[in-house]
Amino acid sequence: MSTQQKSSPKTPHKQPHKVLIIDDDAFFRKLLADMVSGIEGFNVVGEAEDGVEGIKKAKELAPEIVFLDVVMPLKNGIETAWELSRSANPPQIIICSTMKGEAVIKDAKAMGVCAYINKPPQKEEVVEILKTLATF
């Protein structure tokens, strides 16, 4: 005698948005990773300490969102943003830096950056930006 169960309709399971953090400051990467990990629907899939490593990890991990510092060794954030924005599946890029000024923001936007926040960000600011980008 066999028992058969009715199969229930499958409900789509929404995967968390994949986030990559590229910053040369290990303390800041940890701080931001802890913030993002505490936000439902987002998962930090990797970290990198410079632009070269960040581009490599972005190719491997295919993040949907990248937090990116401006001043880093080997390849700065503006150059990294430009390269990431021209990839086959470009992530949404959030510049997170202590650098301020209209020129930096203008350069960043020209390179495909979606948002700019000052370091250190407040968790509410990170939540707001991520939730906004997640709707696109």
N, C-alpha and C. Protein backbone atom coordinates (compact mmCIF):
# COMPACT_ATOMS: atom_id res chain seq x y z
N MET A 1 0.85 -1.16 0.00
CA MET A 1 0.00 0.00 0.00
C MET A 1 0.89 1.23 0.00
N SER A 2 0.70 2.08 -0.94
CA SER A 2 1.52 3.29 -1.02
C SER A 2 0.70 4.51 -0.62
N THR A 3 1.37 5.39 0.02
CA THR A 3 0.69 6.63 0.38
C THR A 3 1.23 7.74 -0.50
N GLN A 4 0.35 8.49 -1.02
CA GLN A 4 0.75 9.63 -1.85
C GLN A 4 0.28 10.90 -1.19
N GLN A 5 1.15 11.87 -1.20
CA GLN A 5 0.77 13.17 -0.67
C GLN A 5 0.47 14.09 -1.83
N LYS A 6 -0.50 14.91 -1.60
CA LYS A 6 -0.79 15.91 -2.62
C LYS A 6 0.36 16.90 -2.64
N SER A 7 0.79 17.20 -3.82
CA SER A 7 1.86 18.19 -3.89
C SER A 7 1.25 19.58 -3.82
N SER A 8 1.82 20.37 -2.96
CA SER A 8 1.31 21.73 -2.83
C SER A 8 1.99 22.62 -3.86
N PRO A 9 1.29 23.64 -4.30
CA PRO A 9 1.91 24.52 -5.29
C PRO A 9 3.16 25.17 -4.69
N LYS A 10 4.18 25.24 -5.49
CA LYS A 10 5.42 25.83 -5.02
C LYS A 10 5.28 27.35 -4.95
N THR A 11 5.72 27.87 -3.84
CA THR A 11 5.72 29.33 -3.72
C THR A 11 7.12 29.81 -4.03
N PRO A 12 7.24 30.86 -4.80
CA PRO A 12 8.57 31.34 -5.15
C PRO A 12 9.31 31.82 -3.91
N HIS A 13 10.55 31.42 -3.82
CA HIS A 13 11.38 31.84 -2.70
C HIS A 13 12.33 32.93 -3.18
N LYS A 14 12.16 34.09 -2.64
CA LYS A 14 13.00 35.23 -3.02
C LYS A 14 14.34 35.12 -2.30
N GLN A 15 15.39 35.04 -3.07
CA GLN A 15 16.74 34.99 -2.51
C GLN A 15 17.15 36.37 -2.01
N PRO A 16 17.96 36.41 -0.96
CA PRO A 16 18.45 37.71 -0.49
C PRO A 16 19.31 38.39 -1.56
N HIS A 17 19.31 39.70 -1.54
CA HIS A 17 20.16 40.48 -2.45
C HIS A 17 21.61 40.30 -2.02
N LYS A 18 22.47 39.99 -2.98
CA LYS A 18 23.88 39.76 -2.68
C LYS A 18 24.64 41.09 -2.65
N VAL A 19 25.40 41.28 -1.58
CA VAL A 19 26.14 42.53 -1.37
C VAL A 19 27.63 42.23 -1.25
N LEU A 20 28.44 43.04 -1.93
CA LEU A 20 29.89 42.98 -1.84
C LEU A 20 30.39 44.30 -1.26
N ILE A 21 31.34 44.23 -0.33
CA ILE A 21 31.92 45.43 0.29
C ILE A 21 33.37 45.54 -0.13
N ILE A 22 33.72 46.67 -0.76
CA ILE A 22 35.10 46.92 -1.20
C ILE A 22 35.61 48.15 -0.48
N ASP A 23 36.54 47.94 0.46
CA ASP A 23 37.08 49.03 1.27
C ASP A 23 38.41 48.56 1.86
N ASP A 24 39.40 49.43 1.91
CA ASP A 24 40.70 49.04 2.44
C ASP A 24 40.76 49.03 3.96
N ASP A 25 39.75 49.52 4.64
CA ASP A 25 39.70 49.56 6.09
C ASP A 25 38.94 48.34 6.62
N ALA A 26 39.68 47.39 7.24
CA ALA A 26 39.08 46.16 7.73
C ALA A 26 38.00 46.43 8.79
N PHE A 27 38.24 47.41 9.66
CA PHE A 27 37.26 47.75 10.69
C PHE A 27 35.96 48.22 10.03
N PHE A 28 36.07 49.07 9.02
CA PHE A 28 34.87 49.57 8.35
C PHE A 28 34.15 48.45 7.61
N ARG A 29 34.89 47.56 6.96
CA ARG A 29 34.24 46.43 6.28
C ARG A 29 33.42 45.61 7.27
N LYS A 30 33.98 45.36 8.44
CA LYS A 30 33.28 44.59 9.48
C LYS A 30 32.04 45.34 9.96
N LEU A 31 32.19 46.64 10.22
CA LEU A 31 31.07 47.46 10.67
C LEU A 31 29.93 47.43 9.65
N LEU A 32 30.26 47.65 8.39
CA LEU A 32 29.24 47.67 7.34
C LEU A 32 28.64 46.29 7.12
N ALA A 33 29.48 45.25 7.16
CA ALA A 33 28.98 43.88 6.99
C ALA A 33 27.98 43.53 8.10
N ASP A 34 28.29 43.94 9.33
CA ASP A 34 27.37 43.70 10.44
C ASP A 34 26.05 44.44 10.24
N MET A 35 26.13 45.69 9.75
CA MET A 35 24.90 46.46 9.48
C MET A 35 24.05 45.76 8.43
N VAL A 36 24.67 45.43 7.31
CA VAL A 36 23.94 44.84 6.18
C VAL A 36 23.37 43.47 6.56
N SER A 37 24.14 42.67 7.27
CA SER A 37 23.68 41.34 7.67
C SER A 37 22.46 41.39 8.58
N GLY A 38 22.28 42.50 9.26
CA GLY A 38 21.13 42.66 10.14
C GLY A 38 19.88 43.15 9.43
N ILE A 39 19.96 43.34 8.13
CA ILE A 39 18.82 43.85 7.36
C ILE A 39 18.23 42.69 6.57
N GLU A 40 16.97 42.40 6.83
CA GLU A 40 16.30 41.29 6.14
C GLU A 40 16.31 41.50 4.63
N GLY A 41 16.64 40.44 3.92
CA GLY A 41 16.63 40.49 2.46
C GLY A 41 17.97 40.81 1.84
N PHE A 42 19.02 40.94 2.66
CA PHE A 42 20.35 41.27 2.15
C PHE A 42 21.39 40.36 2.78
N ASN A 43 22.36 39.93 1.97
CA ASN A 43 23.38 39.02 2.44
C ASN A 43 24.75 39.47 1.90
N VAL A 44 25.70 39.69 2.80
CA VAL A 44 27.06 40.04 2.38
C VAL A 44 27.72 38.76 1.89
N VAL A 45 28.04 38.72 0.60
CA VAL A 45 28.63 37.52 0.00
C VAL A 45 30.15 37.60 -0.08
N GLY A 46 30.71 38.81 0.12
CA GLY A 46 32.15 38.92 0.06
C GLY A 46 32.63 40.30 0.42
N GLU A 47 33.95 40.36 0.65
CA GLU A 47 34.63 41.61 0.98
C GLU A 47 35.94 41.64 0.21
N ALA A 48 36.40 42.86 -0.09
CA ALA A 48 37.69 43.05 -0.75
C ALA A 48 38.34 44.29 -0.19
N GLU A 49 39.68 44.29 -0.16
CA GLU A 49 40.39 45.43 0.44
C GLU A 49 40.96 46.42 -0.57
N ASP A 50 40.76 46.17 -1.85
CA ASP A 50 41.18 47.13 -2.87
C ASP A 50 40.36 46.90 -4.14
N GLY A 51 40.49 47.82 -5.08
CA GLY A 51 39.69 47.74 -6.29
C GLY A 51 40.00 46.54 -7.16
N VAL A 52 41.26 46.14 -7.23
CA VAL A 52 41.63 44.99 -8.06
C VAL A 52 40.98 43.72 -7.52
N GLU A 53 41.10 43.50 -6.21
CA GLU A 53 40.48 42.33 -5.58
C GLU A 53 38.95 42.44 -5.69
N GLY A 54 38.42 43.65 -5.55
CA GLY A 54 36.99 43.86 -5.63
C GLY A 54 36.41 43.48 -6.98
N ILE A 55 37.09 43.86 -8.05
CA ILE A 55 36.62 43.51 -9.39
C ILE A 55 36.65 42.00 -9.59
N LYS A 56 37.72 41.37 -9.12
CA LYS A 56 37.82 39.91 -9.21
C LYS A 56 36.67 39.24 -8.46
N LYS A 57 36.40 39.68 -7.24
CA LYS A 57 35.32 39.08 -6.44
C LYS A 57 33.95 39.37 -7.06
N ALA A 58 33.78 40.55 -7.63
CA ALA A 58 32.50 40.87 -8.29
C ALA A 58 32.25 39.91 -9.45
N LYS A 59 33.29 39.57 -10.20
CA LYS A 59 33.13 38.62 -11.31
C LYS A 59 32.77 37.24 -10.79
N GLU A 60 33.38 36.83 -9.67
CA GLU A 60 33.13 35.50 -9.10
C GLU A 60 31.77 35.40 -8.42
N LEU A 61 31.39 36.44 -7.68
CA LEU A 61 30.22 36.37 -6.80
C LEU A 61 28.94 36.97 -7.39
N ALA A 62 29.07 37.77 -8.43
CA ALA A 62 27.92 38.43 -9.08
C ALA A 62 26.99 39.13 -8.09
N PRO A 63 27.54 40.08 -7.31
CA PRO A 63 26.67 40.80 -6.37
C PRO A 63 25.70 41.72 -7.10
N GLU A 64 24.59 41.98 -6.47
CA GLU A 64 23.63 42.92 -7.03
C GLU A 64 23.94 44.34 -6.56
N ILE A 65 24.57 44.44 -5.38
CA ILE A 65 24.89 45.73 -4.78
C ILE A 65 26.33 45.71 -4.29
N VAL A 66 27.05 46.80 -4.55
CA VAL A 66 28.44 46.93 -4.09
C VAL A 66 28.59 48.23 -3.30
N PHE A 67 29.11 48.11 -2.08
CA PHE A 67 29.55 49.28 -1.32
C PHE A 67 31.02 49.47 -1.67
N LEU A 68 31.39 50.71 -1.99
CA LEU A 68 32.71 50.97 -2.54
C LEU A 68 33.32 52.24 -1.95
N ASP A 69 34.54 52.11 -1.42
CA ASP A 69 35.29 53.26 -0.93
C ASP A 69 35.91 53.98 -2.13
N VAL A 70 36.28 55.24 -1.95
CA VAL A 70 36.92 55.99 -3.03
C VAL A 70 38.44 55.85 -2.99
N VAL A 71 39.03 56.08 -1.82
CA VAL A 71 40.48 56.06 -1.70
C VAL A 71 40.93 54.68 -1.24
N MET A 72 41.57 53.94 -2.18
CA MET A 72 42.06 52.59 -1.90
C MET A 72 43.35 52.36 -2.68
N PRO A 73 44.17 51.41 -2.22
CA PRO A 73 45.38 51.08 -2.98
C PRO A 73 45.05 50.31 -4.26
N LEU A 74 46.00 50.29 -5.16
CA LEU A 74 45.97 49.55 -6.43
C LEU A 74 44.98 50.10 -7.45
N LYS A 75 43.74 50.28 -7.07
CA LYS A 75 42.73 50.84 -7.98
C LYS A 75 41.73 51.57 -7.11
N ASN A 76 41.57 52.88 -7.36
CA ASN A 76 40.66 53.65 -6.51
C ASN A 76 39.20 53.34 -6.83
N GLY A 77 38.31 53.88 -6.01
CA GLY A 77 36.90 53.59 -6.15
C GLY A 77 36.26 54.09 -7.43
N ILE A 78 36.72 55.24 -7.91
CA ILE A 78 36.15 55.78 -9.16
C ILE A 78 36.50 54.86 -10.33
N GLU A 79 37.77 54.44 -10.41
CA GLU A 79 38.19 53.51 -11.47
C GLU A 79 37.46 52.17 -11.34
N THR A 80 37.33 51.71 -10.11
CA THR A 80 36.64 50.44 -9.86
C THR A 80 35.17 50.54 -10.25
N ALA A 81 34.53 51.64 -9.90
CA ALA A 81 33.11 51.84 -10.27
C ALA A 81 32.95 51.83 -11.78
N TRP A 82 33.87 52.49 -12.47
CA TRP A 82 33.80 52.54 -13.93
C TRP A 82 33.87 51.13 -14.51
N GLU A 83 34.82 50.34 -14.02
CA GLU A 83 34.97 48.98 -14.53
C GLU A 83 33.76 48.10 -14.18
N LEU A 84 33.29 48.19 -12.94
CA LEU A 84 32.13 47.40 -12.54
C LEU A 84 30.89 47.77 -13.34
N SER A 85 30.72 49.05 -13.63
CA SER A 85 29.51 49.51 -14.35
C SER A 85 29.51 49.06 -15.81
N ARG A 86 30.65 48.64 -16.31
CA ARG A 86 30.73 48.18 -17.69
C ARG A 86 30.80 46.65 -17.80
N SER A 87 30.56 45.96 -16.68
CA SER A 87 30.56 44.50 -16.71
C SER A 87 29.27 43.99 -17.34
N ALA A 88 29.24 42.70 -17.64
CA ALA A 88 28.08 42.10 -18.29
C ALA A 88 26.80 42.26 -17.47
N ASN A 89 26.92 42.11 -16.17
CA ASN A 89 25.76 42.25 -15.28
C ASN A 89 26.15 43.22 -14.17
N PRO A 90 26.12 44.53 -14.47
CA PRO A 90 26.64 45.51 -13.50
C PRO A 90 25.84 45.60 -12.21
N PRO A 91 26.55 45.66 -11.09
CA PRO A 91 25.85 45.83 -9.81
C PRO A 91 25.44 47.28 -9.61
N GLN A 92 24.56 47.49 -8.67
CA GLN A 92 24.24 48.84 -8.23
C GLN A 92 25.36 49.23 -7.25
N ILE A 93 25.94 50.39 -7.45
CA ILE A 93 27.11 50.79 -6.68
C ILE A 93 26.77 51.93 -5.73
N ILE A 94 27.20 51.75 -4.48
CA ILE A 94 27.03 52.77 -3.45
C ILE A 94 28.42 53.19 -3.01
N ILE A 95 28.78 54.44 -3.25
CA ILE A 95 30.05 54.95 -2.74
C ILE A 95 29.86 55.28 -1.27
N CYS A 96 30.80 54.84 -0.46
CA CYS A 96 30.78 55.10 0.97
C CYS A 96 32.17 55.59 1.34
N SER A 97 32.31 56.90 1.56
CA SER A 97 33.64 57.48 1.72
C SER A 97 33.64 58.68 2.66
N THR A 98 34.83 59.00 3.14
CA THR A 98 35.00 60.22 3.93
C THR A 98 35.21 61.42 3.02
N MET A 99 35.50 61.16 1.75
CA MET A 99 35.71 62.26 0.80
C MET A 99 34.38 62.94 0.52
N LYS A 100 34.41 64.25 0.58
CA LYS A 100 33.19 65.02 0.31
C LYS A 100 33.49 66.00 -0.80
N GLY A 101 32.46 66.52 -1.35
CA GLY A 101 32.63 67.53 -2.39
C GLY A 101 31.87 67.16 -3.64
N GLU A 102 31.44 68.18 -4.31
CA GLU A 102 30.63 67.99 -5.51
C GLU A 102 31.41 67.30 -6.62
N ALA A 103 32.72 67.57 -6.71
CA ALA A 103 33.52 66.96 -7.78
C ALA A 103 33.57 65.44 -7.62
N VAL A 104 33.76 64.97 -6.39
CA VAL A 104 33.81 63.53 -6.14
C VAL A 104 32.46 62.89 -6.48
N ILE A 105 31.39 63.50 -6.02
CA ILE A 105 30.06 62.96 -6.28
C ILE A 105 29.75 62.98 -7.78
N LYS A 106 30.14 64.05 -8.45
CA LYS A 106 29.91 64.15 -9.89
C LYS A 106 30.68 63.06 -10.64
N ASP A 107 31.96 62.87 -10.28
CA ASP A 107 32.76 61.82 -10.90
C ASP A 107 32.15 60.44 -10.65
N ALA A 108 31.72 60.22 -9.42
CA ALA A 108 31.13 58.93 -9.05
C ALA A 108 29.86 58.66 -9.86
N LYS A 109 28.99 59.65 -9.97
CA LYS A 109 27.74 59.47 -10.73
C LYS A 109 28.04 59.20 -12.20
N ALA A 110 29.07 59.86 -12.74
CA ALA A 110 29.46 59.65 -14.14
C ALA A 110 29.96 58.23 -14.36
N MET A 111 30.44 57.59 -13.32
CA MET A 111 30.95 56.22 -13.42
C MET A 111 29.91 55.17 -13.09
N GLY A 112 28.66 55.56 -12.97
CA GLY A 112 27.59 54.59 -12.76
C GLY A 112 27.19 54.34 -11.33
N VAL A 113 27.58 55.23 -10.43
CA VAL A 113 27.24 55.07 -9.02
C VAL A 113 25.79 55.48 -8.77
N CYS A 114 25.06 54.67 -7.99
CA CYS A 114 23.65 54.91 -7.69
C CYS A 114 23.45 55.82 -6.49
N ALA A 115 24.36 55.72 -5.51
CA ALA A 115 24.18 56.47 -4.27
C ALA A 115 25.54 56.78 -3.66
N TYR A 116 25.55 57.81 -2.81
CA TYR A 116 26.77 58.23 -2.13
C TYR A 116 26.42 58.50 -0.68
N ILE A 117 27.15 57.84 0.24
CA ILE A 117 26.93 58.10 1.66
C ILE A 117 28.28 58.37 2.32
N ASN A 118 28.25 59.20 3.33
CA ASN A 118 29.46 59.55 4.07
C ASN A 118 29.77 58.52 5.13
N LYS A 119 31.07 58.31 5.36
CA LYS A 119 31.52 57.44 6.45
C LYS A 119 31.57 58.24 7.74
N PRO A 120 31.29 57.65 8.84
CA PRO A 120 30.62 56.36 8.96
C PRO A 120 29.12 56.54 8.77
N PRO A 121 28.49 55.63 8.04
CA PRO A 121 27.05 55.78 7.82
C PRO A 121 26.25 55.36 9.04
N GLN A 122 25.10 55.90 9.15
CA GLN A 122 24.15 55.47 10.18
C GLN A 122 23.38 54.27 9.63
N LYS A 123 23.01 53.34 10.50
CA LYS A 123 22.31 52.14 10.04
C LYS A 123 21.02 52.51 9.30
N GLU A 124 20.30 53.52 9.79
CA GLU A 124 19.05 53.93 9.14
C GLU A 124 19.30 54.36 7.69
N GLU A 125 20.42 55.03 7.47
CA GLU A 125 20.78 55.48 6.12
C GLU A 125 21.07 54.28 5.22
N VAL A 126 21.79 53.31 5.74
CA VAL A 126 22.11 52.10 4.98
C VAL A 126 20.82 51.34 4.65
N VAL A 127 19.94 51.19 5.62
CA VAL A 127 18.66 50.51 5.41
C VAL A 127 17.86 51.22 4.31
N GLU A 128 17.76 52.53 4.40
CA GLU A 128 16.98 53.30 3.43
C GLU A 128 17.53 53.13 2.01
N ILE A 129 18.83 53.23 1.86
CA ILE A 129 19.43 53.09 0.53
C ILE A 129 19.24 51.68 -0.02
N LEU A 130 19.50 50.67 0.81
CA LEU A 130 19.35 49.29 0.34
C LEU A 130 17.90 48.98 -0.03
N LYS A 131 16.96 49.39 0.77
CA LYS A 131 15.55 49.13 0.47
C LYS A 131 15.13 49.85 -0.82
N THR A 132 15.66 51.06 -1.04
CA THR A 132 15.35 51.78 -2.27
C THR A 132 15.93 51.06 -3.48
N LEU A 133 17.19 50.66 -3.38
CA LEU A 133 17.83 49.97 -4.52
C LEU A 133 17.20 48.62 -4.78
N ALA A 134 16.71 47.96 -3.76
CA ALA A 134 16.11 46.64 -3.91
C ALA A 134 14.82 46.67 -4.72
N THR A 135 14.20 47.83 -4.84
CA THR A 135 12.96 47.93 -5.61
C THR A 135 13.21 48.05 -7.10
N PHE A 136 14.45 48.25 -7.51
CA PHE A 136 14.77 48.40 -8.94
C PHE A 136 15.08 47.08 -9.57
